[in-house]
Protein backbone atom coordinates (compact mmCIF):
# COMPACT_ATOMS: atom_id res chain seq x y z
CA MET A 1 55.74 8.06 -12.04
CA ARG A 2 53.09 6.20 -10.04
CA GLU A 3 52.58 9.14 -7.53
CA LEU A 4 52.40 11.47 -10.72
CA ILE A 5 49.90 9.52 -12.44
CA TRP A 6 48.06 9.45 -9.37
CA LYS A 7 48.12 13.16 -8.61
CA LEU A 8 46.81 13.91 -12.25
CA LYS A 9 43.85 11.27 -12.04
CA ILE A 10 42.67 12.44 -8.49
CA GLY A 11 42.90 16.01 -9.38
CA ALA A 12 40.94 15.39 -12.53
CA TRP A 13 38.25 13.55 -10.66
CA ASN A 14 38.27 16.19 -7.79
CA ARG A 15 37.86 19.11 -10.39
CA PHE A 16 34.99 17.29 -11.93
CA LEU A 17 33.09 16.44 -8.74
CA VAL A 18 33.71 20.14 -7.26
CA THR A 19 32.51 21.30 -10.96
CA LYS A 20 29.27 19.03 -10.68
CA PHE A 21 28.47 20.15 -7.10
CA ARG A 22 28.68 23.73 -7.96
CA GLY A 23 26.21 23.31 -10.85
CA ASN A 24 23.63 21.57 -8.58
CA LYS A 25 20.96 24.47 -7.76
CA PRO A 26 17.93 24.30 -5.61
CA ARG A 27 14.91 23.08 -7.56
CA TYR A 28 11.32 24.50 -6.99
CA ALA A 29 8.22 22.28 -7.58
CA PRO A 30 6.15 23.65 -10.49
CA ARG A 31 2.30 23.98 -9.86
CA PRO A 32 0.95 20.42 -10.94
CA ALA A 33 -0.71 19.81 -14.23
CA ASP A 34 -2.85 16.66 -15.39
CA SER A 35 -1.18 14.09 -17.68
CA SER A 36 -2.69 12.09 -20.15
CA ARG A 37 -0.38 9.47 -19.59
CA LYS A 38 -0.75 7.33 -16.09
CA ILE A 39 2.32 6.08 -14.44
CA GLY A 40 2.48 2.42 -14.49
CA ARG A 41 4.08 0.04 -11.81
CA ILE A 42 7.09 -2.49 -12.90
CA PRO A 43 9.53 -4.61 -11.14
CA LEU A 44 12.77 -3.00 -10.62
CA SER A 45 14.36 -5.81 -12.26
CA GLN A 46 12.35 -4.84 -15.45
CA ARG A 47 13.29 -1.07 -15.16
CA TYR A 48 17.21 -1.70 -14.43
CA PRO A 49 18.07 -5.30 -15.81
CA SER A 50 21.35 -5.37 -14.12
CA ILE A 51 19.67 -5.28 -10.55
CA PRO A 52 17.93 -8.76 -9.93
CA ILE A 53 15.43 -7.38 -7.46
CA PRO A 54 11.95 -8.39 -8.87
CA ASP A 55 9.62 -7.82 -5.75
CA ILE A 56 10.13 -3.99 -5.58
CA PRO A 57 7.86 -2.23 -8.23
CA VAL A 58 8.84 1.19 -9.31
CA ALA A 59 7.47 3.82 -11.89
CA ASP A 60 7.79 2.67 -15.49
CA TYR A 61 9.04 6.27 -16.43
CA VAL A 62 10.17 9.51 -14.87
CA PRO A 63 7.61 12.38 -15.55
CA PRO A 64 8.81 14.98 -17.61
CA ASP A 65 8.07 17.82 -14.98
CA GLU A 66 10.76 16.15 -12.96
CA THR A 67 13.22 15.15 -15.24
CA GLU A 68 16.49 16.98 -15.90
CA TRP A 69 17.95 15.07 -18.65
CA TYR A 70 21.31 16.61 -18.73
CA LYS A 71 22.04 15.71 -15.16
CA LEU A 72 20.80 12.16 -15.91
CA LYS A 73 23.07 12.02 -18.87
CA VAL A 74 26.06 13.19 -16.59
CA CYS A 75 25.47 10.59 -14.02
CA ASP A 76 25.25 7.87 -16.72
CA PHE A 77 28.55 8.98 -18.14
CA GLN A 78 29.95 9.00 -14.66
CA ALA A 79 28.84 5.64 -13.85
CA LYS A 80 29.30 3.66 -16.97
CA VAL A 81 32.49 5.43 -18.28
CA LEU A 82 34.43 7.54 -16.10
CA TYR A 83 34.28 4.84 -13.23
CA ARG A 84 34.99 1.83 -15.78
CA TYR A 85 37.71 3.17 -17.58
CA PHE A 86 39.11 6.08 -15.11
CA PRO A 87 38.25 5.14 -11.59
CA PRO A 88 39.26 6.96 -8.87
CA LYS A 89 41.55 4.40 -7.38
CA MET A 90 45.05 2.71 -8.15
CA ALA A 91 47.07 -0.37 -6.94
CA GLY A 92 49.92 0.28 -4.89
CA LEU A 93 49.19 3.39 -3.22
CA PRO A 94 49.82 4.09 0.66
CA SER A 95 46.65 3.20 2.68
CA ILE A 96 44.16 5.98 3.79
CA PRO A 97 45.14 7.45 7.04
CA PRO A 98 43.12 5.49 10.03
CA ASN A 99 42.66 8.94 11.83
CA PRO A 100 39.29 10.18 10.18
CA LEU A 101 40.65 13.82 10.53
CA MET A 102 43.78 13.31 8.83
CA ALA A 103 41.88 11.36 5.99
CA ILE A 104 39.49 14.17 5.66
CA ASP A 105 42.52 16.55 5.25
CA ALA A 106 43.81 14.65 2.64
CA ALA A 107 40.79 13.89 0.87
CA TYR A 108 38.95 17.47 1.05
CA THR A 109 40.65 19.81 -1.25
CA ARG A 110 40.32 23.80 -1.36
CA GLY A 111 38.01 23.41 -4.05
CA HIS A 112 35.66 21.20 -1.80
CA ARG A 113 36.05 23.48 1.08
CA GLU A 114 35.00 26.67 -0.81
CA SER A 115 31.74 25.16 -1.88
CA LEU A 116 30.89 23.11 1.32
CA PRO A 117 32.47 23.17 4.63
CA ALA A 118 34.33 20.00 5.60
CA PRO A 119 32.43 17.44 7.57
CA ALA A 120 32.84 17.60 11.24
CA LEU A 121 33.37 14.29 13.11
CA PRO A 122 30.90 14.27 16.23
CA ALA A 123 32.39 13.87 19.49
CA GLU A 124 30.67 10.53 20.00
CA TYR A 125 32.69 9.18 16.82
CA GLN A 126 36.02 10.53 18.42
CA GLY A 127 38.19 7.95 20.21
CA PRO A 128 36.52 4.55 20.85
CA VAL A 129 33.54 3.51 19.59
CA ASP A 130 30.62 3.46 22.17
CA LEU A 131 28.37 0.85 20.67
CA GLY A 132 26.27 0.91 23.86
CA TRP A 133 25.66 4.73 23.61
CA LEU A 134 24.91 4.37 20.02
CA ALA A 135 22.21 1.65 20.34
CA VAL A 136 19.97 4.10 22.09
CA ALA A 137 20.82 7.39 20.53
CA GLY A 138 19.67 8.77 17.14
CA PRO A 139 18.48 6.32 14.33
CA TYR A 140 20.50 3.29 15.63
CA PHE A 141 17.94 2.66 18.23
CA CYS A 142 15.74 0.73 15.72
CA TYR A 143 17.80 -2.06 15.90
CA LEU A 144 18.02 -2.86 19.35
CA ARG A 145 16.09 -5.96 20.24
CA ARG A 146 15.92 -8.19 23.29
CA ALA A 147 18.20 -10.99 22.91
CA PRO A 148 16.95 -14.71 23.16
CA GLY A 149 19.21 -15.46 26.06
CA GLY A 150 18.66 -12.29 27.92
CA GLY A 151 20.06 -8.84 27.43
CA TYR A 152 19.84 -6.89 24.04
CA GLU A 153 21.44 -7.22 20.47
CA TRP A 154 21.83 -5.82 17.06
CA ASP A 155 21.63 -8.56 14.60
CA LEU A 156 22.71 -7.62 11.31
CA ARG A 157 24.03 -10.99 10.01
CA ASP A 158 21.86 -10.94 6.99
CA LEU A 159 24.58 -8.64 5.57
CA ASP A 160 26.60 -11.48 5.05
CA ASN A 161 24.23 -12.53 2.14
CA TYR A 162 25.25 -9.50 -0.30
CA GLU A 163 28.08 -9.41 -2.95
CA TYR A 164 31.26 -7.71 -1.63
CA HIS A 165 34.14 -6.12 -3.61
CA PRO A 166 37.44 -8.51 -3.30
CA GLY A 167 39.40 -7.27 -0.22
CA LEU A 168 36.83 -6.10 1.83
CA ARG A 169 35.34 -7.42 4.77
CA LYS A 170 31.92 -8.70 5.35
CA LEU A 171 29.44 -6.82 7.41
CA GLY A 172 27.43 -9.37 8.76
CA THR A 173 27.52 -8.78 12.50
CA ARG A 174 25.62 -9.71 15.90
CA VAL A 175 26.41 -7.59 18.85
CA HIS A 176 25.28 -8.69 22.43
CA PHE A 177 24.44 -6.12 24.81
CA GLU A 178 24.23 -6.05 28.67
CA VAL A 179 22.96 -3.28 31.14
CA ASP A 180 25.59 -1.81 33.39
CA ALA A 181 24.07 -2.33 36.70
CA ALA A 182 26.32 1.03 38.14
CA THR A 183 25.46 3.44 35.42
CA ARG A 184 22.31 1.92 33.79
CA ARG A 185 23.61 2.37 30.30
CA LEU A 186 24.00 -0.49 27.88
CA ARG A 187 27.57 -1.83 27.02
CA ALA A 188 28.71 -4.06 23.97
CA VAL A 189 29.82 -7.48 25.73
CA SER A 190 30.41 -9.56 22.55
CA ILE A 191 30.47 -9.25 18.89
CA GLU A 192 30.05 -12.06 16.02
CA SER A 193 31.59 -10.88 12.98
CA GLU A 194 34.03 -12.22 10.13
CA LEU A 195 36.86 -11.93 12.86
CA GLY A 196 35.04 -14.51 14.78
CA HIS A 197 33.64 -14.00 18.57
CA SER A 198 35.20 -10.77 19.99
CA THR A 199 34.81 -9.54 23.45
CA PRO A 200 36.30 -6.24 25.28
CA GLY A 201 39.94 -6.83 25.74
CA ASP A 202 40.61 -8.71 22.64
CA PRO A 203 43.05 -7.48 20.22
CA ASP A 204 40.39 -7.25 17.49
CA TRP A 205 37.76 -5.71 19.58
CA ASP A 206 38.23 -2.15 18.21
CA GLN A 207 38.18 -3.50 14.58
CA ALA A 208 35.12 -5.64 15.66
CA GLN A 209 33.25 -2.52 16.93
CA ARG A 210 34.04 -0.53 13.93
CA LEU A 211 32.60 -3.39 11.56
CA ALA A 212 29.36 -3.45 13.74
CA LEU A 213 28.91 0.49 13.43
CA CYS A 214 29.58 0.05 9.63
CA ALA A 215 27.09 -2.69 9.65
CA ALA A 216 24.55 -0.68 11.08
CA THR A 217 25.35 2.60 8.94
CA THR A 218 25.03 0.78 5.76
CA HIS A 219 21.72 -1.20 6.48
CA LEU A 220 20.49 2.53 7.60
CA SER A 221 21.42 4.26 4.58
CA LEU A 222 20.79 1.73 1.84
CA VAL A 223 18.36 -0.80 3.27
CA ARG A 224 16.14 1.29 5.38
CA HIS A 225 16.35 4.67 3.87
CA PHE A 226 16.91 4.37 0.21
CA ASN A 227 14.83 0.76 -0.12
CA GLY A 228 12.27 1.08 2.56
CA ILE A 229 11.59 5.00 2.38
CA HIS A 230 12.48 6.23 -1.57
CA LEU A 231 12.03 2.99 -3.36
CA CYS A 232 9.09 0.99 -1.34
CA MET A 233 7.06 4.08 0.09
CA VAL A 234 7.62 7.37 -1.67
CA SER A 235 7.41 5.99 -5.08
CA PRO A 236 3.98 4.05 -4.93
CA PHE A 237 2.71 7.17 -2.93
CA GLY A 238 3.94 9.69 -5.74
CA ILE A 239 2.59 7.40 -8.47
CA ALA A 240 -1.07 7.04 -6.46
CA THR A 241 -0.82 11.17 -5.87
CA ARG A 242 -0.35 11.53 -9.48
CA ASN A 243 -2.72 9.08 -10.88
CA ALA A 244 -5.74 9.41 -8.41
CA LEU A 245 -5.93 13.12 -7.85
CA PRO A 246 -6.60 15.90 -10.55
CA ALA A 247 -3.99 18.72 -10.63
CA SER A 248 -6.40 20.98 -8.92
CA HIS A 249 -7.52 18.78 -5.90
CA CYS A 250 -6.69 20.41 -2.83
CA LEU A 251 -4.86 17.21 -1.39
CA ARG A 252 -2.76 16.94 -4.38
CA LEU A 253 -1.51 20.52 -3.94
CA LEU A 254 -1.01 19.78 -0.39
CA LEU A 255 1.01 16.84 -0.95
CA TRP A 256 2.89 17.83 -4.05
CA PRO A 257 5.89 19.33 -2.53
CA HIS A 258 6.60 16.18 -0.73
CA VAL A 259 6.24 13.65 -3.57
CA TRP A 260 7.30 15.95 -6.78
CA GLY A 261 10.93 14.97 -7.98
CA SER A 262 10.63 11.58 -6.17
CA HIS A 263 10.74 9.42 -9.53
CA TYR A 264 13.78 11.52 -10.80
CA SER A 265 15.49 11.25 -7.60
CA ASN A 266 15.16 7.37 -7.55
CA GLU A 267 16.39 7.18 -11.26
CA LEU A 268 19.49 9.43 -10.55
CA VAL A 269 20.53 7.38 -7.59
CA THR A 270 19.76 3.98 -8.84
């Protein structure tokens, strides 16, 4: 009976999300127009009382030319009703397959694949995690610092200060790297995490590496990208562009495709 209920629930969620994805079409920035109402800056906690962050200012309203109200209402319904009373989870089910390719096959239905090809796992993430390579490749290089005692490190222990759902591991980690003299490449030699102090060869080393990678990925996407770029940089930049430059100003026309929609997307995501 439990399996049947789960199939019905996850089938409904899959249909909802595939329909939502197919309904999203590219939007094009309209020509800017002057507005009689300036955009004010208020604390994030005033705009969203359930998020106690007072020191990030956001727009006090979303400009009408950016807003698609029906999409906001759908997301609001999804967050406040569906997730609360009909969540896509159930106790007592088998764990997600540890093999990511098998997990994708189980989760990505034919409807998903008809809308968007299944995500491909890069070769660098297949097999054991190579933190030394990732530390100097792609976006993760920004976390690499010289360690006080020599070598290099990722220090993401601040993530321990965030709230966590029951049953999940904390992501606060510190990875120590050394340069391999033969290959001239970095290699991770120790990791401090919720698991304790782990070194290569320990039974929990693979798990510690995955926690470290999860920490860097989470911090990069939520703290650096969404908070640092969307909320702290793009939002004030969009406010200044609208408030300070007339609609016909050449600089506003140049900036317009880059700032239009920023307040709406921040509202949608937050």
